[in-house]
Amino acid sequence: MKSMHVRLPASLDSLSLGDSADPGVPGPGEVRVRLRASSLNYHDYAVVTGMIPCADGRIPMSDGAGEVEAVGEGVTEFAVGQSVVSTFFPYWLDGTPPLSAFTQVPGDGIDGYARETIVAPTSWFTRVPAGYSHAEAATLTCAGLTAWRALVVDGQIRAGSTVLVQGTGGVSVFALQFAKAMGATVIATSSSDAKLERMKALGADHLINYRETPAWGAAALALTGGRGVDHVIEVGGAGTLDQSTIATRIGGHIALIGVLAGFAGPVMTAMLMARQIRLQGLTVGSRQQQLEMITGIEATGIKPVLDKSFALEDLANAFRHQASGAHFGKIVVEI
């Protein structure tokens, strides 16, 4: 079967298309899935460019969607022909993540979904929302679930809340959609007026161009009448955390998701304490949370925003498009 591989030293130029052995028939409790789509995340980019170390020959990509080709003995959750989507942590089913969870992320600690076929335990997959294409389903594993957990599981968002989303990548667009579906007011930030207009079309109530308004935390605070926002989707990291802190209300919630603006740096700890802000780090979520998200998606009719689509063999150019920052929403790979 066709598969993409990271060759060391890792770089986009070292990504190579190769052949892997067919995984064969599923054993007890397993399914064979013909993969049809994946989607790009910053985590995947970090693996294929060497920021996150991996084994030579690693098959990248944490997201995978397709249809079940065969089921093993005892499998009742899935049927042949059913559409399924992968889970980011195959062994984190519910509750607190096991210590080993972060060493077994597909496309990182183990082989991922940049391939045609996989045989795996049923717990590695869930059903997909009714009416979703494979490409749409492939956006849920990492970006969709991260946004859901940040707002719904950790944030306990409610109607009337105010949410600030940073940028227009997959997590932030999903967060905007979830927040609006739940009756929240959304403040969107971006360096692009054109992208901000697209966020407005998706329901954003207030727009801030952070290039034109470097003190965007104060601008967001003013938009709330000085109260502050209830939730921040913090994808920047150290480089933007101070502005997020300024924007957040007393007792508010910052979901620390990404490091796009810095892995480390000085932070206004005194303001975090004075405002009694809850700073919650998170990495995606559990299989049970993914199932709950899918139920929520079906209840609200949310569909992901797809950017460009690339063929599996063109994976390196898909990542180059991601690195350019020109995308809006999710970049998809068709398998």
C-alpha atoms as a PDB file:
ATOM      1  CA  MET A   1       0.000   0.000   0.000  1.00  0.00           C
ATOM      2  CA  LYS A   2       1.061   3.616  -0.546  1.00  0.00           C
ATOM      3  CA  SER A   3       2.314   5.527   2.481  1.00  0.00           C
ATOM      4  CA  MET A   4       4.281   8.686   3.246  1.00  0.00           C
ATOM      5  CA  HIS A   5       7.387   8.522   5.446  1.00  0.00           C
ATOM      6  CA  VAL A   6       9.539  10.955   7.422  1.00  0.00           C
ATOM      7  CA  ARG A   7      13.201  10.343   6.621  1.00  0.00           C
ATOM      8  CA  LEU A   8      15.806  11.639   9.055  1.00  0.00           C
ATOM      9  CA  PRO A   9      17.002  14.308   9.349  1.00  0.00           C
ATOM     10  CA  ALA A  10      13.381  15.385   9.144  1.00  0.00           C
ATOM     11  CA  SER A  11      12.386  18.158   6.732  1.00  0.00           C
ATOM     12  CA  LEU A  12       9.689  18.757   4.166  1.00  0.00           C
ATOM     13  CA  ASP A  13      12.191  17.779   1.484  1.00  0.00           C
ATOM     14  CA  SER A  14      12.782  14.430   3.199  1.00  0.00           C
ATOM     15  CA  LEU A  15       9.114  13.373   3.110  1.00  0.00           C
ATOM     16  CA  SER A  16       8.909  10.446   0.724  1.00  0.00           C
ATOM     17  CA  LEU A  17       6.205   8.281  -0.815  1.00  0.00           C
ATOM     18  CA  GLY A  18       6.812   4.576  -0.361  1.00  0.00           C
ATOM     19  CA  ASP A  19       5.215   1.185  -0.033  1.00  0.00           C
ATOM     20  CA  SER A  20       4.285  -0.486   3.224  1.00  0.00           C
ATOM     21  CA  ALA A  21       3.165  -4.036   3.829  1.00  0.00           C
ATOM     22  CA  ASP A  22      -0.581  -4.607   3.671  1.00  0.00           C
ATOM     23  CA  PRO A  23      -1.845  -4.818   7.274  1.00  0.00           C
ATOM     24  CA  GLY A  24      -3.865  -7.952   6.556  1.00  0.00           C
ATOM     25  CA  VAL A  25      -7.101  -9.044   8.194  1.00  0.00           C
ATOM     26  CA  PRO A  26      -8.359  -7.712  11.517  1.00  0.00           C
ATOM     27  CA  GLY A  27      -8.067  -9.853  14.611  1.00  0.00           C
ATOM     28  CA  PRO A  28     -10.515  -9.999  17.537  1.00  0.00           C
ATOM     29  CA  GLY A  29     -11.662  -6.513  18.513  1.00  0.00           C
ATOM     30  CA  GLU A  30     -10.045  -4.914  15.470  1.00  0.00           C
ATOM     31  CA  VAL A  31     -11.188  -3.222  12.277  1.00  0.00           C
ATOM     32  CA  ARG A  32      -9.566  -2.788   8.888  1.00  0.00           C
ATOM     33  CA  VAL A  33     -10.077   0.773   7.634  1.00  0.00           C
ATOM     34  CA  ARG A  34      -9.510   2.073   4.103  1.00  0.00           C
ATOM     35  CA  LEU A  35      -8.304   5.588   4.842  1.00  0.00           C
ATOM     36  CA  ARG A  36      -9.648   8.331   2.576  1.00  0.00           C
ATOM     37  CA  ALA A  37      -8.580  11.633   4.143  1.00  0.00           C
ATOM     38  CA  SER A  38      -6.394  13.324   6.715  1.00  0.00           C
ATOM     39  CA  SER A  39      -5.983  16.953   7.775  1.00  0.00           C
ATOM     40  CA  LEU A  40      -2.997  19.047   8.773  1.00  0.00           C
ATOM     41  CA  ASN A  41      -2.283  20.265  12.300  1.00  0.00           C
ATOM     42  CA  TYR A  42       0.649  22.219  13.709  1.00  0.00           C
ATOM     43  CA  HIS A  43       1.600  19.070  15.620  1.00  0.00           C
ATOM     44  CA  ASP A  44       2.018  17.211  12.312  1.00  0.00           C
ATOM     45  CA  TYR A  45       4.113  20.074  10.929  1.00  0.00           C
ATOM     46  CA  ALA A  46       6.328  19.908  14.009  1.00  0.00           C
ATOM     47  CA  VAL A  47       6.932  16.183  13.417  1.00  0.00           C
ATOM     48  CA  VAL A  48       7.737  16.367   9.706  1.00  0.00           C
ATOM     49  CA  THR A  49      10.089  19.344  10.167  1.00  0.00           C
ATOM     50  CA  GLY A  50      11.993  17.837  13.089  1.00  0.00           C
ATOM     51  CA  MET A  51      10.715  20.079  15.897  1.00  0.00           C
ATOM     52  CA  ILE A  52       9.246  16.938  17.478  1.00  0.00           C
ATOM     53  CA  PRO A  53      11.684  14.007  17.176  1.00  0.00           C
ATOM     54  CA  CYS A  54      10.407  10.810  15.581  1.00  0.00           C
ATOM     55  CA  ALA A  55      11.747   7.507  14.344  1.00  0.00           C
ATOM     56  CA  ASP A  56      13.234   7.250  10.858  1.00  0.00           C
ATOM     57  CA  GLY A  57      10.565   6.112   8.425  1.00  0.00           C
ATOM     58  CA  ARG A  58       7.682   7.251  10.636  1.00  0.00           C
ATOM     59  CA  ILE A  59       4.322   7.496   8.842  1.00  0.00           C
ATOM     60  CA  PRO A  60       3.032  10.953   9.821  1.00  0.00           C
ATOM     61  CA  MET A  61      -0.424  12.480  10.401  1.00  0.00           C
ATOM     62  CA  SER A  62      -2.574  12.176  13.527  1.00  0.00           C
ATOM     63  CA  ASP A  63      -5.944  12.515  11.753  1.00  0.00           C
ATOM     64  CA  GLY A  64      -7.484   9.787   9.625  1.00  0.00           C
ATOM     65  CA  ALA A  65     -10.949   9.144   8.226  1.00  0.00           C
ATOM     66  CA  GLY A  66     -12.279   6.429   5.949  1.00  0.00           C
ATOM     67  CA  GLU A  67     -14.556   3.418   5.787  1.00  0.00           C
ATOM     68  CA  VAL A  68     -14.471   0.046   7.488  1.00  0.00           C
ATOM     69  CA  GLU A  69     -13.442  -2.733   5.077  1.00  0.00           C
ATOM     70  CA  ALA A  70     -13.562  -5.654   7.513  1.00  0.00           C
ATOM     71  CA  VAL A  71     -14.246  -6.324  11.193  1.00  0.00           C
ATOM     72  CA  GLY A  72     -12.673  -8.854  13.503  1.00  0.00           C
ATOM     73  CA  GLU A  73     -14.292 -11.308  15.856  1.00  0.00           C
ATOM     74  CA  GLY A  74     -16.457  -9.731  18.529  1.00  0.00           C
ATOM     75  CA  VAL A  75     -16.712  -6.285  16.911  1.00  0.00           C
ATOM     76  CA  THR A  76     -20.225  -4.881  17.222  1.00  0.00           C
ATOM     77  CA  GLU A  77     -19.644  -1.101  17.305  1.00  0.00           C
ATOM     78  CA  PHE A  78     -18.752  -0.829  13.610  1.00  0.00           C
ATOM     79  CA  ALA A  79     -19.953  -2.506  10.424  1.00  0.00           C
ATOM     80  CA  VAL A  80     -18.395  -2.995   7.010  1.00  0.00           C
ATOM     81  CA  GLY A  81     -18.906   0.126   4.907  1.00  0.00           C
ATOM     82  CA  GLN A  82     -19.356   2.450   7.895  1.00  0.00           C
ATOM     83  CA  SER A  83     -17.486   5.775   7.937  1.00  0.00           C
ATOM     84  CA  VAL A  84     -15.127   6.234  10.888  1.00  0.00           C
ATOM     85  CA  VAL A  85     -12.607   8.796  12.136  1.00  0.00           C
ATOM     86  CA  SER A  86      -9.489   8.300  14.247  1.00  0.00           C
ATOM     87  CA  THR A  87      -8.874   9.368  17.839  1.00  0.00           C
ATOM     88  CA  PHE A  88      -5.792  11.421  18.727  1.00  0.00           C
ATOM     89  CA  PHE A  89      -5.013   9.321  21.808  1.00  0.00           C
ATOM     90  CA  PRO A  90      -5.863   5.717  20.895  1.00  0.00           C
ATOM     91  CA  TYR A  91      -5.610   4.521  24.504  1.00  0.00           C
ATOM     92  CA  TRP A  92      -7.224   7.469  26.301  1.00  0.00           C
ATOM     93  CA  LEU A  93     -10.806   6.343  26.322  1.00  0.00           C
ATOM     94  CA  ASP A  94     -12.259   8.413  29.177  1.00  0.00           C
ATOM     95  CA  GLY A  95     -11.363  10.078  32.460  1.00  0.00           C
ATOM     96  CA  THR A  96      -7.775  11.133  33.191  1.00  0.00           C
ATOM     97  CA  PRO A  97      -5.259  10.406  30.400  1.00  0.00           C
ATOM     98  CA  PRO A  98      -2.856   7.527  31.135  1.00  0.00           C
ATOM     99  CA  LEU A  99       0.821   8.425  31.486  1.00  0.00           C
ATOM    100  CA  SER A 100       1.588   6.533  28.282  1.00  0.00           C
ATOM    101  CA  ALA A 101      -0.954   8.475  26.182  1.00  0.00           C
ATOM    102  CA  PHE A 102       1.513  11.040  24.865  1.00  0.00           C
ATOM    103  CA  THR A 103       3.973   8.380  23.664  1.00  0.00           C
ATOM    104  CA  GLN A 104       1.349   6.693  21.485  1.00  0.00           C
ATOM    105  CA  VAL A 105       0.005   9.528  19.356  1.00  0.00           C
ATOM    106  CA  PRO A 106      -0.366   8.408  15.714  1.00  0.00           C
ATOM    107  CA  GLY A 107       2.093  10.157  13.430  1.00  0.00           C
ATOM    108  CA  ASP A 108       4.373  10.883  16.383  1.00  0.00           C
ATOM    109  CA  GLY A 109       5.154   8.073  18.812  1.00  0.00           C
ATOM    110  CA  ILE A 110       3.601   5.468  16.492  1.00  0.00           C
ATOM    111  CA  ASP A 111       2.803   5.388  12.771  1.00  0.00           C
ATOM    112  CA  GLY A 112      -0.038   7.662  11.676  1.00  0.00           C
ATOM    113  CA  TYR A 113      -2.583   7.953   8.902  1.00  0.00           C
ATOM    114  CA  ALA A 114      -0.653   9.094   5.813  1.00  0.00           C
ATOM    115  CA  ARG A 115      -1.334   5.699   4.246  1.00  0.00           C
ATOM    116  CA  GLU A 116      -4.050   3.812   2.454  1.00  0.00           C
ATOM    117  CA  THR A 117      -5.058   1.144   4.982  1.00  0.00           C
ATOM    118  CA  ILE A 118      -4.760   0.339   8.658  1.00  0.00           C
ATOM    119  CA  VAL A 119      -5.799  -2.491  10.980  1.00  0.00           C
ATOM    120  CA  ALA A 120      -6.289  -1.314  14.553  1.00  0.00           C
ATOM    121  CA  PRO A 121      -8.438  -1.848  17.663  1.00  0.00           C
ATOM    122  CA  THR A 122     -11.922  -0.380  17.485  1.00  0.00           C
ATOM    123  CA  SER A 123     -11.001   2.089  20.259  1.00  0.00           C
ATOM    124  CA  TRP A 124      -8.747   3.899  17.771  1.00  0.00           C
ATOM    125  CA  PHE A 125     -11.837   5.140  15.893  1.00  0.00           C
ATOM    126  CA  THR A 126     -15.294   6.579  16.445  1.00  0.00           C
ATOM    127  CA  ARG A 127     -18.297   7.040  14.218  1.00  0.00           C
ATOM    128  CA  VAL A 128     -18.523  10.282  12.239  1.00  0.00           C
ATOM    129  CA  PRO A 129     -21.322  12.874  12.293  1.00  0.00           C
ATOM    130  CA  ALA A 130     -24.208  12.040   9.988  1.00  0.00           C
ATOM    131  CA  GLY A 131     -23.770  13.611   6.572  1.00  0.00           C
ATOM    132  CA  TYR A 132     -20.034  14.254   6.919  1.00  0.00           C
ATOM    133  CA  SER A 133     -17.661  13.509   4.042  1.00  0.00           C
ATOM    134  CA  HIS A 134     -14.358  11.780   4.773  1.00  0.00           C
ATOM    135  CA  ALA A 135     -12.538  15.106   4.360  1.00  0.00           C
ATOM    136  CA  GLU A 136     -14.867  16.823   6.814  1.00  0.00           C
ATOM    137  CA  ALA A 137     -14.567  13.985   9.325  1.00  0.00           C
ATOM    138  CA  ALA A 138     -10.767  14.107   9.160  1.00  0.00           C
ATOM    139  CA  THR A 139     -10.787  17.610  10.679  1.00  0.00           C
ATOM    140  CA  LEU A 140     -12.354  16.450  13.942  1.00  0.00           C
ATOM    141  CA  THR A 141      -9.629  14.293  15.519  1.00  0.00           C
ATOM    142  CA  CYS A 142      -7.305  17.092  16.625  1.00  0.00           C
ATOM    143  CA  ALA A 143      -8.638  20.574  15.807  1.00  0.00           C
ATOM    144  CA  GLY A 144     -12.325  19.907  16.359  1.00  0.00           C
ATOM    145  CA  LEU A 145     -11.899  18.057  19.633  1.00  0.00           C
ATOM    146  CA  THR A 146      -9.368  20.569  20.958  1.00  0.00           C
ATOM    147  CA  ALA A 147     -11.844  23.424  20.457  1.00  0.00           C
ATOM    148  CA  TRP A 148     -14.683  21.364  21.944  1.00  0.00           C
ATOM    149  CA  ARG A 149     -12.725  20.422  25.045  1.00  0.00           C
ATOM    150  CA  ALA A 150     -11.475  23.992  25.552  1.00  0.00           C
ATOM    151  CA  LEU A 151     -14.946  25.505  25.535  1.00  0.00           C
ATOM    152  CA  VAL A 152     -17.349  22.744  26.538  1.00  0.00           C
ATOM    153  CA  VAL A 153     -15.425  20.293  28.730  1.00  0.00           C
ATOM    154  CA  ASP A 154     -12.933  22.591  30.472  1.00  0.00           C
ATOM    155  CA  GLY A 155     -14.650  25.939  29.914  1.00  0.00           C
ATOM    156  CA  GLN A 156     -18.232  24.878  30.664  1.00  0.00           C
ATOM    157  CA  ILE A 157     -19.377  27.558  28.204  1.00  0.00           C
ATOM    158  CA  ARG A 158     -22.929  28.834  28.503  1.00  0.00           C
ATOM    159  CA  ALA A 159     -25.234  31.089  26.525  1.00  0.00           C
ATOM    160  CA  GLY A 160     -24.238  34.716  26.979  1.00  0.00           C
ATOM    161  CA  SER A 161     -20.531  33.992  27.468  1.00  0.00           C
ATOM    162  CA  THR A 162     -17.917  36.008  25.594  1.00  0.00           C
ATOM    163  CA  VAL A 163     -15.153  34.110  23.791  1.00  0.00           C
ATOM    164  CA  LEU A 164     -11.964  35.464  22.229  1.00  0.00           C
ATOM    165  CA  VAL A 165     -10.417  33.376  19.453  1.00  0.00           C
ATOM    166  CA  GLN A 166      -6.925  33.986  18.109  1.00  0.00           C
ATOM    167  CA  GLY A 167      -6.296  33.656  14.395  1.00  0.00           C
ATOM    168  CA  THR A 168      -8.147  31.685  11.748  1.00  0.00           C
ATOM    169  CA  GLY A 169      -6.630  28.226  11.915  1.00  0.00           C
ATOM    170  CA  GLY A 170      -8.590  25.038  12.412  1.00  0.00           C
ATOM    171  CA  VAL A 171      -8.960  25.198  16.209  1.00  0.00           C
ATOM    172  CA  SER A 172      -9.974  28.859  16.230  1.00  0.00           C
ATOM    173  CA  VAL A 173     -12.558  28.458  13.470  1.00  0.00           C
ATOM    174  CA  PHE A 174     -14.067  25.439  15.226  1.00  0.00           C
ATOM    175  CA  ALA A 175     -14.109  27.404  18.491  1.00  0.00           C
ATOM    176  CA  LEU A 176     -15.986  30.237  16.779  1.00  0.00           C
ATOM    177  CA  GLN A 177     -18.546  27.791  15.411  1.00  0.00           C
ATOM    178  CA  PHE A 178     -19.046  25.968  18.716  1.00  0.00           C
ATOM    179  CA  ALA A 179     -19.281  29.224  20.654  1.00  0.00           C
ATOM    180  CA  LYS A 180     -21.895  30.730  18.331  1.00  0.00           C
ATOM    181  CA  ALA A 181     -23.912  27.499  18.331  1.00  0.00           C
ATOM    182  CA  MET A 182     -24.063  27.760  22.139  1.00  0.00           C
ATOM    183  CA  GLY A 183     -25.203  31.380  22.221  1.00  0.00           C
ATOM    184  CA  ALA A 184     -21.892  33.092  22.969  1.00  0.00           C
ATOM    185  CA  THR A 185     -20.492  36.407  21.769  1.00  0.00           C
ATOM    186  CA  VAL A 186     -17.218  35.991  19.870  1.00  0.00           C
ATOM    187  CA  ILE A 187     -14.287  38.390  19.428  1.00  0.00           C
ATOM    188  CA  ALA A 188     -11.976  37.260  16.596  1.00  0.00           C
ATOM    189  CA  THR A 189      -8.391  38.404  16.047  1.00  0.00           C
ATOM    190  CA  SER A 190      -6.242  38.133  12.936  1.00  0.00           C
ATOM    191  CA  SER A 191      -3.578  40.083  11.054  1.00  0.00           C
ATOM    192  CA  SER A 192      -5.676  39.870   7.873  1.00  0.00           C
ATOM    193  CA  ASP A 193      -8.764  42.005   7.277  1.00  0.00           C
ATOM    194  CA  ALA A 194      -9.883  39.571   4.573  1.00  0.00           C
ATOM    195  CA  LYS A 195      -9.756  36.652   7.020  1.00  0.00           C
ATOM    196  CA  LEU A 196     -11.554  38.702   9.659  1.00  0.00           C
ATOM    197  CA  GLU A 197     -14.379  39.286   7.197  1.00  0.00           C
ATOM    198  CA  ARG A 198     -14.634  35.531   6.725  1.00  0.00           C
ATOM    199  CA  MET A 199     -14.831  35.109  10.508  1.00  0.00           C
ATOM    200  CA  LYS A 200     -17.587  37.724  10.538  1.00  0.00           C
ATOM    201  CA  ALA A 201     -19.481  35.731   7.919  1.00  0.00           C
ATOM    202  CA  LEU A 202     -19.240  32.707  10.261  1.00  0.00           C
ATOM    203  CA  GLY A 203     -20.772  34.713  13.101  1.00  0.00           C
ATOM    204  CA  ALA A 204     -17.964  36.647  14.823  1.00  0.00           C
ATOM    205  CA  ASP A 205     -19.463  39.639  16.613  1.00  0.00           C
ATOM    206  CA  HIS A 206     -16.315  41.764  16.955  1.00  0.00           C
ATOM    207  CA  LEU A 207     -13.111  41.870  14.898  1.00  0.00           C
ATOM    208  CA  ILE A 208      -9.596  43.008  15.894  1.00  0.00           C
ATOM    209  CA  ASN A 209      -6.660  43.232  13.494  1.00  0.00           C
ATOM    210  CA  TYR A 210      -3.784  42.641  15.892  1.00  0.00           C
ATOM    211  CA  ARG A 211      -1.234  44.015  13.440  1.00  0.00           C
ATOM    212  CA  GLU A 212      -3.049  47.351  13.384  1.00  0.00           C
ATOM    213  CA  THR A 213      -3.894  47.087  17.113  1.00  0.00           C
ATOM    214  CA  PRO A 214      -0.901  45.545  18.936  1.00  0.00           C
ATOM    215  CA  ALA A 215      -2.607  46.177  22.298  1.00  0.00           C
ATOM    216  CA  TRP A 216      -5.473  43.924  21.278  1.00  0.00           C
ATOM    217  CA  GLY A 217      -5.991  42.697  24.835  1.00  0.00           C
ATOM    218  CA  ALA A 218      -7.046  46.189  25.904  1.00  0.00           C
ATOM    219  CA  ALA A 219      -9.200  46.488  22.784  1.00  0.00           C
ATOM    220  CA  ALA A 220     -11.010  43.254  23.651  1.00  0.00           C
ATOM    221  CA  LEU A 221     -11.443  44.435  27.236  1.00  0.00           C
ATOM    222  CA  ALA A 222     -13.048  47.648  25.952  1.00  0.00           C
ATOM    223  CA  LEU A 223     -15.426  45.668  23.741  1.00  0.00           C
ATOM    224  CA  THR A 224     -16.781  43.993  26.892  1.00  0.00           C
ATOM    225  CA  GLY A 225     -17.316  47.298  28.660  1.00  0.00           C
ATOM    226  CA  GLY A 226     -14.281  46.700  30.862  1.00  0.00           C
ATOM    227  CA  ARG A 227     -15.565  43.389  32.271  1.00  0.00           C
ATOM    228  CA  GLY A 228     -13.319  41.109  30.222  1.00  0.00           C
ATOM    229  CA  VAL A 229     -13.979  37.981  28.198  1.00  0.00           C
ATOM    230  CA  ASP A 230     -15.006  34.701  29.784  1.00  0.00           C
ATOM    231  CA  HIS A 231     -12.870  32.426  27.620  1.00  0.00           C
ATOM    232  CA  VAL A 232      -9.758  32.799  25.460  1.00  0.00           C
ATOM    233  CA  ILE A 233      -8.640  30.266  22.861  1.00  0.00           C
ATOM    234  CA  GLU A 234      -4.908  30.813  23.339  1.00  0.00           C
ATOM    235  CA  VAL A 235      -3.034  29.373  20.344  1.00  0.00           C
ATOM    236  CA  GLY A 236      -0.064  31.743  20.473  1.00  0.00           C
ATOM    237  CA  GLY A 237       1.604  30.725  23.698  1.00  0.00           C
ATOM    238  CA  ALA A 238       4.165  32.882  25.484  1.00  0.00           C
ATOM    239  CA  GLY A 239       4.123  35.604  22.830  1.00  0.00           C
ATOM    240  CA  THR A 240       0.410  36.345  23.206  1.00  0.00           C
ATOM    241  CA  LEU A 241      -0.449  35.183  26.721  1.00  0.00           C
ATOM    242  CA  ASP A 242      -0.033  38.633  28.290  1.00  0.00           C
ATOM    243  CA  GLN A 243      -2.534  40.184  25.877  1.00  0.00           C
ATOM    244  CA  SER A 244      -4.940  37.319  26.589  1.00  0.00           C
ATOM    245  CA  THR A 245      -4.549  37.956  30.318  1.00  0.00           C
ATOM    246  CA  ILE A 246      -5.372  41.646  29.848  1.00  0.00           C
ATOM    247  CA  ALA A 247      -8.496  40.672  27.881  1.00  0.00           C
ATOM    248  CA  THR A 248      -9.819  38.149  30.432  1.00  0.00           C
ATOM    249  CA  ARG A 249     -12.280  38.903  33.218  1.00  0.00           C
ATOM    250  CA  ILE A 250     -11.720  38.224  36.900  1.00  0.00           C
ATOM    251  CA  GLY A 251     -12.158  34.464  37.338  1.00  0.00           C
ATOM    252  CA  GLY A 252     -12.079  33.912  33.568  1.00  0.00           C
ATOM    253  CA  HIS A 253     -10.633  30.985  31.642  1.00  0.00           C
ATOM    254  CA  ILE A 254      -7.715  30.843  29.211  1.00  0.00           C
ATOM    255  CA  ALA A 255      -7.358  27.583  27.271  1.00  0.00           C
ATOM    256  CA  LEU A 256      -3.639  27.256  26.515  1.00  0.00           C
ATOM    257  CA  ILE A 257      -3.549  25.233  23.310  1.00  0.00           C
ATOM    258  CA  GLY A 258      -0.685  26.314  21.060  1.00  0.00           C
ATOM    259  CA  VAL A 259       2.795  27.811  20.885  1.00  0.00           C
ATOM    260  CA  LEU A 260       2.629  29.616  17.549  1.00  0.00           C
ATOM    261  CA  ALA A 261       4.040  32.811  19.092  1.00  0.00           C
ATOM    262  CA  GLY A 262       6.598  31.237  21.404  1.00  0.00           C
ATOM    263  CA  PHE A 263       7.427  28.148  23.460  1.00  0.00           C
ATOM    264  CA  ALA A 264       8.619  30.147  26.468  1.00  0.00           C
ATOM    265  CA  GLY A 265       8.960  33.690  27.734  1.00  0.00           C
ATOM    266  CA  PRO A 266       8.032  36.135  30.495  1.00  0.00           C
ATOM    267  CA  VAL A 267       4.426  36.066  31.673  1.00  0.00           C
ATOM    268  CA  MET A 268       2.501  38.579  33.817  1.00  0.00           C
ATOM    269  CA  THR A 269       1.998  36.175  36.700  1.00  0.00           C
ATOM    270  CA  ALA A 270       0.910  38.963  39.031  1.00  0.00           C
ATOM    271  CA  MET A 271      -2.026  39.848  36.775  1.00  0.00           C
ATOM    272  CA  LEU A 272      -2.955  36.177  36.414  1.00  0.00           C
ATOM    273  CA  MET A 273      -3.127  35.950  40.184  1.00  0.00           C
ATOM    274  CA  ALA A 274      -4.825  39.303  40.738  1.00  0.00           C
ATOM    275  CA  ARG A 275      -7.557  38.430  38.266  1.00  0.00           C
ATOM    276  CA  GLN A 276      -7.724  34.856  39.567  1.00  0.00           C
ATOM    277  CA  ILE A 277      -7.662  33.586  36.007  1.00  0.00           C
ATOM    278  CA  ARG A 278      -7.813  29.856  35.346  1.00  0.00           C
ATOM    279  CA  LEU A 279      -5.030  29.026  32.884  1.00  0.00           C
ATOM    280  CA  GLN A 280      -5.787  25.522  31.574  1.00  0.00           C
ATOM    281  CA  GLY A 281      -3.263  23.717  29.401  1.00  0.00           C
ATOM    282  CA  LEU A 282      -4.739  21.029  27.202  1.00  0.00           C
ATOM    283  CA  THR A 283      -3.857  18.638  24.428  1.00  0.00           C
ATOM    284  CA  VAL A 284      -6.882  17.404  22.437  1.00  0.00           C
ATOM    285  CA  GLY A 285      -9.119  15.023  24.450  1.00  0.00           C
ATOM    286  CA  SER A 286     -10.410  11.520  25.103  1.00  0.00           C
ATOM    287  CA  ARG A 287     -12.428   9.152  22.931  1.00  0.00           C
ATOM    288  CA  GLN A 288     -15.518   9.748  25.076  1.00  0.00           C
ATOM    289  CA  GLN A 289     -15.176  13.495  24.614  1.00  0.00           C
ATOM    290  CA  GLN A 290     -14.935  12.943  20.859  1.00  0.00           C
ATOM    291  CA  LEU A 291     -18.180  10.960  20.887  1.00  0.00           C
ATOM    292  CA  GLU A 292     -19.879  13.727  22.885  1.00  0.00           C
ATOM    293  CA  MET A 293     -18.594  16.311  20.406  1.00  0.00           C
ATOM    294  CA  ILE A 294     -20.039  14.324  17.508  1.00  0.00           C
ATOM    295  CA  THR A 295     -23.429  14.286  19.228  1.00  0.00           C
ATOM    296  CA  GLY A 296     -23.149  18.049  19.688  1.00  0.00           C
ATOM    297  CA  ILE A 297     -22.213  18.554  16.038  1.00  0.00           C
ATOM    298  CA  GLU A 298     -25.237  16.572  14.902  1.00  0.00           C
ATOM    299  CA  ALA A 299     -27.501  18.630  17.173  1.00  0.00           C
ATOM    300  CA  THR A 300     -26.203  21.946  15.824  1.00  0.00           C
ATOM    301  CA  GLY A 301     -25.490  21.097  12.180  1.00  0.00           C
ATOM    302  CA  ILE A 302     -21.950  22.507  12.304  1.00  0.00           C
ATOM    303  CA  LYS A 303     -19.755  21.721   9.300  1.00  0.00           C
ATOM    304  CA  PRO A 304     -15.988  22.330   9.296  1.00  0.00           C
ATOM    305  CA  VAL A 305     -14.459  25.018   7.107  1.00  0.00           C
ATOM    306  CA  LEU A 306     -12.160  23.382   4.551  1.00  0.00           C
ATOM    307  CA  ASP A 307      -9.288  25.209   2.873  1.00  0.00           C
ATOM    308  CA  LYS A 308      -7.274  23.563   0.076  1.00  0.00           C
ATOM    309  CA  SER A 309      -7.070  19.834  -0.654  1.00  0.00           C
ATOM    310  CA  PHE A 310      -3.890  17.971  -1.599  1.00  0.00           C
ATOM    311  CA  ALA A 311      -3.134  14.433  -2.774  1.00  0.00           C
ATOM    312  CA  LEU A 312      -1.235  12.126  -0.410  1.00  0.00           C
ATOM    313  CA  GLU A 313       1.885  12.232  -2.567  1.00  0.00           C
ATOM    314  CA  ASP A 314       1.770  16.037  -2.447  1.00  0.00           C
ATOM    315  CA  LEU A 315       1.898  16.116   1.368  1.00  0.00           C
ATOM    316  CA  ALA A 316       5.047  18.257   1.493  1.00  0.00           C
ATOM    317  CA  ASN A 317       3.346  21.010  -0.523  1.00  0.00           C
ATOM    318  CA  ALA A 318       0.343  20.807   1.790  1.00  0.00           C
ATOM    319  CA  PHE A 319       2.666  21.611   4.690  1.00  0.00           C
ATOM    320  CA  ARG A 320       4.278  24.417   2.709  1.00  0.00           C
ATOM    321  CA  HIS A 321       0.828  25.899   2.230  1.00  0.00           C
ATOM    322  CA  GLN A 322       0.255  25.590   5.978  1.00  0.00           C
ATOM    323  CA  ALA A 323       3.593  27.257   6.753  1.00  0.00           C
ATOM    324  CA  SER A 324       2.724  30.185   4.464  1.00  0.00           C
ATOM    325  CA  GLY A 325      -0.170  31.135   6.741  1.00  0.00           C
ATOM    326  CA  ALA A 326      -2.430  31.658   3.736  1.00  0.00           C
ATOM    327  CA  HIS A 327      -4.973  29.052   4.779  1.00  0.00           C
ATOM    328  CA  PHE A 328      -8.312  29.630   6.478  1.00  0.00           C
ATOM    329  CA  GLY A 329      -9.713  26.639   8.367  1.00  0.00           C
ATOM    330  CA  LYS A 330      -8.455  23.138   7.686  1.00  0.00           C
ATOM    331  CA  ILE A 331      -6.077  21.876   4.987  1.00  0.00           C
ATOM    332  CA  VAL A 332      -7.070  18.389   3.837  1.00  0.00           C
ATOM    333  CA  VAL A 333      -5.161  15.486   2.320  1.00  0.00           C
ATOM    334  CA  GLU A 334      -7.114  13.077   0.106  1.00  0.00           C
ATOM    335  CA  ILE A 335      -5.929   9.474   0.242  1.00  0.00           C
END
